[in-house]
N, C-alpha and C. Protein backbone atom coordinates (compact mmCIF):
# COMPACT_ATOMS: atom_id res chain seq x y z
N MET A 1 1.03 -15.54 3.65
CA MET A 1 1.16 -14.42 4.12
C MET A 1 2.02 -13.63 2.48
N TYR A 2 1.07 -12.53 1.68
CA TYR A 2 2.12 -12.48 0.36
C TYR A 2 2.34 -10.25 0.99
N LEU A 3 3.76 -9.66 0.16
CA LEU A 3 3.92 -8.30 0.82
C LEU A 3 4.07 -8.58 -1.47
N ILE A 4 3.06 -8.07 -2.05
CA ILE A 4 2.54 -7.25 -3.09
C ILE A 4 3.44 -6.43 -3.52
N ASP A 5 4.72 -6.15 -3.88
CA ASP A 5 5.77 -4.69 -3.82
C ASP A 5 5.45 -4.23 -5.30
N THR A 6 5.92 -3.04 -5.33
CA THR A 6 5.29 -2.36 -6.71
C THR A 6 4.96 -2.55 -8.12
N SER A 7 5.72 -3.40 -8.40
CA SER A 7 6.63 -3.78 -9.97
C SER A 7 5.61 -4.54 -10.79
N VAL A 8 4.47 -5.48 -9.48
CA VAL A 8 3.34 -6.17 -10.13
C VAL A 8 2.85 -5.53 -8.84
N TRP A 9 2.16 -4.72 -9.48
CA TRP A 9 0.30 -3.57 -8.78
C TRP A 9 1.00 -2.95 -10.52
N ILE A 10 2.74 -2.51 -11.03
CA ILE A 10 2.57 -1.25 -12.54
C ILE A 10 2.20 -2.68 -13.28
N ASP A 11 3.28 -3.79 -13.12
CA ASP A 11 1.75 -4.65 -14.18
C ASP A 11 0.77 -5.08 -14.61
N LEU A 12 0.22 -5.16 -12.96
CA LEU A 12 -1.60 -5.88 -13.04
C LEU A 12 -2.58 -4.35 -13.45
N PHE A 13 -1.99 -3.45 -12.84
CA PHE A 13 -2.11 -1.55 -13.96
C PHE A 13 -1.99 -1.46 -15.27
N ARG A 14 -0.96 -1.92 -15.56
CA ARG A 14 -1.19 -1.53 -17.44
C ARG A 14 -1.04 -2.69 -18.25
N GLN A 15 -1.56 -4.29 -17.53
CA GLN A 15 -2.27 -5.26 -18.14
C GLN A 15 -1.44 -6.00 -18.56
N ARG A 16 -0.37 -5.60 -18.11
CA ARG A 16 0.71 -6.76 -19.03
C ARG A 16 0.46 -8.69 -18.08
N ASP A 17 0.81 -9.24 -19.24
CA ASP A 17 1.21 -10.24 -18.57
C ASP A 17 2.43 -11.52 -17.78
N THR A 18 1.71 -10.70 -17.31
CA THR A 18 3.32 -11.02 -16.75
C THR A 18 3.44 -12.79 -15.55
N GLY A 19 3.98 -13.49 -15.26
CA GLY A 19 3.41 -14.39 -13.82
C GLY A 19 3.16 -14.04 -12.78
N PRO A 20 4.36 -12.68 -12.13
CA PRO A 20 3.50 -11.80 -10.41
C PRO A 20 2.49 -11.32 -10.96
N ALA A 21 1.93 -11.09 -12.24
CA ALA A 21 0.65 -10.62 -12.46
C ALA A 21 -0.90 -11.32 -12.17
N LYS A 22 -0.11 -11.96 -13.07
CA LYS A 22 -1.50 -13.39 -13.52
C LYS A 22 -1.34 -14.03 -11.46
N MET A 23 0.04 -14.11 -11.59
CA MET A 23 -0.70 -14.57 -9.56
C MET A 23 -1.21 -13.18 -8.53
N LEU A 24 -0.90 -12.10 -8.68
CA LEU A 24 -1.73 -11.03 -7.66
C LEU A 24 -3.43 -11.36 -8.46
N ARG A 25 -3.65 -11.67 -9.29
CA ARG A 25 -5.13 -11.93 -10.29
C ARG A 25 -5.31 -12.68 -9.42
N ALA A 26 -4.81 -14.03 -8.72
CA ALA A 26 -5.02 -14.92 -8.72
C ALA A 26 -5.76 -14.91 -6.88
N LEU A 27 -5.27 -14.21 -6.75
CA LEU A 27 -4.97 -13.84 -5.36
C LEU A 27 -5.88 -13.18 -4.65
N LEU A 28 -6.25 -11.56 -5.93
CA LEU A 28 -7.23 -11.12 -5.49
C LEU A 28 -7.97 -11.83 -5.77
N ASP A 29 -8.72 -13.29 -7.07
CA ASP A 29 -10.02 -13.35 -7.12
C ASP A 29 -10.54 -14.52 -5.95
N ARG A 30 -9.00 -15.03 -5.18
CA ARG A 30 -9.74 -16.25 -4.64
C ARG A 30 -9.91 -15.48 -2.74
N ARG A 31 -8.95 -14.38 -3.18
CA ARG A 31 -9.84 -13.55 -1.87
C ARG A 31 -8.17 -13.63 -0.78
N LEU A 32 -6.57 -14.34 -1.62
CA LEU A 32 -5.96 -14.19 -0.01
C LEU A 32 -5.82 -13.16 0.01
N PRO A 33 -5.36 -13.00 1.45
CA PRO A 33 -5.11 -11.91 2.33
C PRO A 33 -3.68 -12.11 1.72
N TYR A 34 -3.12 -10.44 2.02
CA TYR A 34 -2.40 -9.81 1.12
C TYR A 34 -1.95 -8.34 1.83
N GLY A 35 -0.61 -7.71 1.55
CA GLY A 35 -0.93 -6.15 1.63
C GLY A 35 0.64 -5.93 1.57
N ILE A 36 0.40 -4.27 1.85
CA ILE A 36 1.88 -3.54 0.92
C ILE A 36 2.39 -2.22 2.37
N THR A 37 3.69 -1.94 1.14
CA THR A 37 3.73 -1.36 2.75
C THR A 37 3.70 0.10 2.67
N SER A 38 4.19 1.62 3.45
CA SER A 38 3.88 2.59 2.55
C SER A 38 5.09 3.05 1.51
N VAL A 39 5.83 2.59 1.37
CA VAL A 39 6.99 3.06 0.18
C VAL A 39 6.15 3.12 -1.00
N ILE A 40 5.75 1.16 -0.73
CA ILE A 40 5.25 0.47 -2.12
C ILE A 40 4.32 1.68 -2.11
N TYR A 41 2.70 2.05 -1.25
CA TYR A 41 1.96 2.49 -1.61
C TYR A 41 2.67 4.15 -1.84
N GLN A 42 3.38 4.85 -1.72
CA GLN A 42 3.70 6.36 -2.71
C GLN A 42 4.62 5.71 -3.87
N GLU A 43 5.07 4.74 -4.09
CA GLU A 43 6.26 4.75 -5.22
C GLU A 43 4.53 4.32 -6.76
N VAL A 44 3.18 3.56 -6.36
CA VAL A 44 2.38 3.19 -6.65
C VAL A 44 1.75 4.53 -7.11
N LEU A 45 1.36 5.71 -5.99
CA LEU A 45 0.65 6.64 -7.22
C LEU A 45 1.35 7.21 -7.17
N GLN A 46 3.10 8.05 -7.26
CA GLN A 46 3.83 8.68 -8.15
C GLN A 46 3.62 7.63 -9.56
N GLY A 47 2.75 6.81 -9.90
CA GLY A 47 2.89 6.90 -11.32
C GLY A 47 1.52 7.15 -11.89
N ALA A 48 0.70 7.59 -11.24
CA ALA A 48 -0.63 7.62 -11.12
C ALA A 48 -0.48 8.58 -12.47
N SER A 49 -1.59 8.62 -13.35
CA SER A 49 -0.94 9.90 -14.32
C SER A 49 -2.11 10.60 -14.77
N SER A 50 -2.93 10.43 -13.60
CA SER A 50 -3.91 11.53 -13.97
C SER A 50 -3.98 11.99 -12.57
N GLU A 51 -4.99 13.34 -11.76
CA GLU A 51 -5.63 13.20 -11.03
C GLU A 51 -7.23 12.88 -10.58
N HIS A 52 -7.28 11.82 -11.81
CA HIS A 52 -8.52 11.46 -11.38
C HIS A 52 -7.63 9.37 -10.52
N ASP A 53 -6.82 9.08 -11.45
CA ASP A 53 -5.96 7.23 -11.37
C ASP A 53 -5.82 8.18 -9.86
N PHE A 54 -4.84 9.28 -9.62
CA PHE A 54 -4.12 9.02 -8.54
C PHE A 54 -5.77 8.79 -6.36
N ARG A 55 -5.91 10.08 -7.70
CA ARG A 55 -7.32 10.05 -5.84
C ARG A 55 -7.74 7.89 -5.96
N ARG A 56 -8.14 7.07 -7.29
CA ARG A 56 -8.61 6.44 -7.52
C ARG A 56 -7.72 4.73 -6.61
N LEU A 57 -6.12 5.09 -7.07
CA LEU A 57 -5.46 4.08 -6.72
C LEU A 57 -5.65 5.04 -5.09
N ARG A 58 -5.04 6.14 -4.18
CA ARG A 58 -4.98 6.18 -3.06
C ARG A 58 -5.86 5.81 -2.68
N ASP A 59 -7.20 5.44 -3.05
CA ASP A 59 -8.41 4.97 -2.26
C ASP A 59 -8.23 3.66 -2.92
N TYR A 60 -7.54 3.04 -3.69
CA TYR A 60 -8.06 1.29 -3.42
C TYR A 60 -6.74 1.05 -2.20
N LEU A 61 -5.63 1.73 -2.60
CA LEU A 61 -4.67 0.80 -2.24
C LEU A 61 -4.60 1.13 -0.83
N GLY A 62 -5.91 2.69 -0.45
CA GLY A 62 -5.42 2.80 0.88
C GLY A 62 -5.84 2.29 1.89
N THR A 63 -6.77 1.66 1.37
CA THR A 63 -7.58 0.58 1.78
C THR A 63 -7.03 -0.76 2.32
N GLN A 64 -5.55 -1.32 2.18
CA GLN A 64 -4.90 -2.43 1.82
C GLN A 64 -4.45 -2.84 3.09
N ARG A 65 -3.96 -3.33 3.69
CA ARG A 65 -3.25 -3.81 4.52
C ARG A 65 -1.75 -3.58 4.96
N PHE A 66 -1.38 -2.79 5.88
CA PHE A 66 -0.19 -2.14 5.46
C PHE A 66 1.24 -2.31 6.64
N TYR A 67 2.52 -2.97 5.68
CA TYR A 67 3.19 -3.57 6.51
C TYR A 67 4.16 -3.44 7.06
N HIS A 68 5.15 -2.44 8.18
CA HIS A 68 5.67 -1.80 8.46
C HIS A 68 6.97 -2.28 9.33
N PRO A 69 7.86 -0.97 9.45
CA PRO A 69 9.22 -1.68 10.03
C PRO A 69 8.59 -2.05 11.06
N THR A 70 9.38 -3.29 11.52
CA THR A 70 8.89 -3.50 13.76
C THR A 70 10.26 -2.46 14.28
N ASP A 71 11.08 -1.91 13.94
CA ASP A 71 11.21 -0.71 14.60
C ASP A 71 12.35 0.33 13.97
N LEU A 72 11.76 1.33 13.66
CA LEU A 72 12.67 3.46 13.65
C LEU A 72 13.50 2.71 12.85
N VAL A 73 14.61 2.15 13.86
CA VAL A 73 16.05 2.59 13.71
C VAL A 73 16.35 1.36 12.89
N ARG A 74 16.05 -0.07 13.86
CA ARG A 74 16.89 -0.99 13.73
C ARG A 74 16.80 -1.45 12.23
N SER A 75 15.01 -1.50 12.03
CA SER A 75 15.14 -2.31 10.92
C SER A 75 15.46 -1.22 8.85
N TYR A 76 16.14 -0.11 9.50
CA TYR A 76 16.22 0.81 8.77
C TYR A 76 17.99 0.14 8.04
N VAL A 77 18.41 -0.17 9.76
CA VAL A 77 19.72 -1.27 9.61
C VAL A 77 20.17 -1.88 9.02
N GLU A 78 19.45 -2.94 9.66
CA GLU A 78 19.18 -3.99 8.78
C GLU A 78 19.29 -3.25 6.93
N ALA A 79 18.32 -3.20 6.85
CA ALA A 79 18.06 -2.61 5.32
C ALA A 79 19.67 -2.47 4.74
N ALA A 80 19.82 -1.37 5.21
CA ALA A 80 21.54 -0.75 4.90
C ALA A 80 23.23 -2.02 4.16
N HIS A 81 22.22 -3.15 5.82
CA HIS A 81 23.21 -3.67 5.50
C HIS A 81 22.64 -4.90 5.29
N LEU A 82 22.25 -4.83 4.78
CA LEU A 82 21.89 -6.61 3.38
C LEU A 82 22.50 -5.11 2.22
N TYR A 83 22.25 -3.84 1.78
CA TYR A 83 22.92 -3.36 0.79
C TYR A 83 23.80 -3.25 0.29
N VAL A 84 25.03 -3.69 2.07
CA VAL A 84 26.34 -2.86 2.21
C VAL A 84 26.85 -5.11 1.28
N ARG A 85 26.48 -5.86 2.79
CA ARG A 85 26.35 -7.46 1.82
C ARG A 85 26.40 -7.52 0.62
N CYS A 86 25.78 -7.39 -0.23
CA CYS A 86 25.28 -7.16 -1.59
C CYS A 86 26.49 -7.11 -2.27
N ARG A 87 26.54 -5.76 -2.26
CA ARG A 87 27.86 -4.93 -2.59
C ARG A 87 29.53 -5.37 -2.18
N GLN A 88 29.50 -5.82 -1.00
CA GLN A 88 30.57 -6.66 -0.76
C GLN A 88 30.91 -7.89 -1.61
N GLN A 89 29.39 -8.73 -2.12
CA GLN A 89 30.15 -9.61 -2.71
C GLN A 89 29.73 -9.11 -4.35
N GLY A 90 29.95 -7.64 -5.14
CA GLY A 90 30.00 -7.72 -5.74
C GLY A 90 28.43 -7.93 -6.78
N ILE A 91 27.05 -7.62 -5.81
CA ILE A 91 25.73 -7.73 -6.50
C ILE A 91 25.93 -6.02 -6.27
N THR A 92 25.00 -5.60 -6.70
CA THR A 92 24.43 -3.75 -7.33
C THR A 92 22.62 -3.77 -6.79
N ILE A 93 22.89 -3.65 -5.91
CA ILE A 93 21.15 -3.54 -5.93
C ILE A 93 20.75 -1.48 -6.49
N ARG A 94 19.86 -1.44 -7.40
CA ARG A 94 19.42 -0.33 -7.78
C ARG A 94 18.95 0.27 -7.26
N SER A 95 17.99 -0.72 -6.24
CA SER A 95 17.27 0.40 -5.43
C SER A 95 17.13 0.06 -3.74
N THR A 96 17.31 1.28 -2.89
CA THR A 96 17.87 1.52 -1.71
C THR A 96 16.46 0.82 -0.62
N ILE A 97 15.55 1.11 -1.23
CA ILE A 97 14.15 1.22 -1.62
C ILE A 97 14.14 -0.28 -1.50
N ASP A 98 14.16 -0.96 -2.16
CA ASP A 98 13.60 -2.85 -1.74
C ASP A 98 14.44 -3.43 -1.54
N CYS A 99 15.91 -3.04 -0.71
CA CYS A 99 16.38 -3.56 1.13
C CYS A 99 15.35 -3.54 1.60
N LEU A 100 15.02 -2.22 1.91
CA LEU A 100 13.91 -1.66 3.03
C LEU A 100 12.33 -2.46 2.79
N ILE A 101 12.46 -3.01 1.42
CA ILE A 101 10.87 -3.68 1.33
C ILE A 101 11.53 -4.99 2.12
N ALA A 102 12.79 -5.15 1.43
CA ALA A 102 12.73 -6.76 1.84
C ALA A 102 12.98 -6.68 2.73
N ARG A 103 13.43 -5.86 3.53
CA ARG A 103 14.25 -5.36 5.09
C ARG A 103 12.47 -6.63 6.53
N ILE A 104 11.05 -5.43 5.58
CA ILE A 104 9.70 -5.58 6.14
C ILE A 104 9.56 -6.88 6.39
N ALA A 105 9.75 -7.60 4.01
CA ALA A 105 8.77 -9.40 4.40
C ALA A 105 9.35 -9.51 4.78
N ILE A 106 10.98 -9.50 5.49
CA ILE A 106 11.80 -10.25 5.94
C ILE A 106 11.08 -10.47 7.93
N GLU A 107 11.11 -8.92 8.91
CA GLU A 107 10.17 -9.17 9.49
C GLU A 107 8.81 -9.42 10.21
N HIS A 108 8.63 -9.56 9.00
CA HIS A 108 6.76 -9.99 9.08
C HIS A 108 6.63 -11.71 8.71
N LYS A 109 7.06 -11.74 8.13
CA LYS A 109 7.76 -13.56 7.68
C LYS A 109 6.98 -13.38 6.35
N LEU A 110 6.43 -12.57 5.18
CA LEU A 110 6.74 -12.89 4.09
C LEU A 110 6.86 -13.51 3.28
N LEU A 111 5.95 -13.74 2.07
CA LEU A 111 6.20 -13.88 0.88
C LEU A 111 6.14 -13.27 -0.07
N LEU A 112 7.63 -12.75 -1.00
CA LEU A 112 7.32 -11.25 -1.35
C LEU A 112 7.36 -11.80 -2.94
N LEU A 113 6.24 -10.81 -3.50
CA LEU A 113 5.67 -11.02 -5.08
C LEU A 113 6.26 -10.17 -5.67
N HIS A 114 6.94 -10.32 -6.66
CA HIS A 114 7.14 -9.07 -6.88
C HIS A 114 7.72 -9.30 -8.80
N ASN A 115 7.86 -8.96 -8.90
CA ASN A 115 8.72 -8.26 -10.42
C ASN A 115 10.23 -7.29 -10.86
N ASP A 116 10.90 -7.74 -10.55
CA ASP A 116 12.27 -7.42 -10.01
C ASP A 116 13.08 -7.80 -10.35
N ASN A 117 14.21 -7.71 -10.30
CA ASN A 117 15.24 -8.13 -10.18
C ASN A 117 15.79 -7.95 -8.51
N ASP A 118 16.05 -6.75 -8.16
CA ASP A 118 17.01 -6.88 -7.39
C ASP A 118 16.34 -7.67 -6.66
N TYR A 119 15.12 -7.73 -6.43
CA TYR A 119 14.83 -9.30 -5.52
C TYR A 119 15.13 -10.51 -5.68
N LEU A 120 16.02 -10.86 -6.77
CA LEU A 120 16.34 -12.01 -6.97
C LEU A 120 17.95 -12.18 -5.94
N GLN A 121 18.07 -10.98 -6.92
CA GLN A 121 19.32 -10.99 -6.14
C GLN A 121 20.01 -10.38 -4.63
N LEU A 122 18.81 -9.87 -4.01
CA LEU A 122 18.69 -9.84 -2.33
C LEU A 122 19.08 -11.51 -1.62
N ALA A 123 17.93 -12.05 -2.43
CA ALA A 123 17.77 -13.05 -1.56
C ALA A 123 18.62 -14.37 -1.98
N LYS A 124 19.54 -13.45 -2.46
CA LYS A 124 21.25 -14.71 -2.86
C LYS A 124 22.02 -14.49 -1.71
N ILE A 125 22.11 -13.25 -1.61
CA ILE A 125 22.62 -12.54 0.44
C ILE A 125 21.48 -12.98 0.96
N GLU A 126 20.73 -13.03 0.90
CA GLU A 126 20.23 -13.03 2.21
C GLU A 126 18.86 -14.20 2.27
N PRO A 127 18.82 -15.12 3.50
CA PRO A 127 17.99 -16.80 2.91
C PRO A 127 16.60 -16.34 3.46
N GLN A 128 16.49 -15.25 4.72
CA GLN A 128 15.66 -15.20 5.12
C GLN A 128 14.83 -15.21 4.05
N LEU A 129 14.88 -13.55 3.43
CA LEU A 129 13.80 -13.33 1.91
C LEU A 129 13.73 -14.45 1.06
N GLN A 130 12.05 -14.26 1.78
CA GLN A 130 11.13 -15.45 0.46
C GLN A 130 10.38 -15.00 -0.21
N LEU A 131 10.57 -15.64 -0.99
CA LEU A 131 10.09 -14.38 -2.43
C LEU A 131 8.86 -15.95 -3.12
N ALA A 132 8.03 -15.44 -3.60
CA ALA A 132 7.23 -15.91 -4.59
C ALA A 132 7.51 -16.50 -5.31
N THR A 133 6.74 -17.56 -5.34
CA THR A 133 7.16 -18.29 -6.57
C THR A 133 5.67 -17.86 -7.92
N THR A 134 5.33 -17.58 -8.59
CA THR A 134 4.12 -17.39 -9.38
C THR A 134 3.62 -18.58 -10.06
N GLY A 135 4.19 -19.88 -9.01
CA GLY A 135 3.45 -21.46 -9.22
C GLY A 135 2.23 -21.34 -8.39
N LEU A 136 3.40 -20.49 -7.29
CA LEU A 136 2.40 -21.16 -6.29
C LEU A 136 0.37 -21.40 -6.14
N ALA A 137 0.27 -19.96 -6.86
CA ALA A 137 -1.07 -19.79 -7.34
C ALA A 137 -1.81 -19.87 -8.46
N PRO A 138 -2.29 -20.60 -9.07
CA PRO A 138 -2.92 -21.48 -10.40
C PRO A 138 -3.94 -20.49 -10.88
């Protein structure tokens, strides 16, 4: 099962020919299971350029499978701890939201499909974070 990060949705909607966007297209074409988080949903909606696009994105993504933190306190503590562990190793994560998304992927044992360097850095510190490689779905 895949968790599709905001960065990949943006690439797909802007018709960027990136490896992760190609993989998402393959997942969609093959009707393979995937999901998003509420925060990913919010980030994608915030990028809408018009009311029409906002409604279209809201209606489409709102029907997808959502993954949520498994514990309303502990999950956030673990996401913050991941950020701190990175900082202690000299790694700066640009978005604290990425730490939460990574934590949700870990908790649900999902492959995270992304186009964001933060996740590459997070995976160096947290071996439980499984990143999808774009070669998995030709």
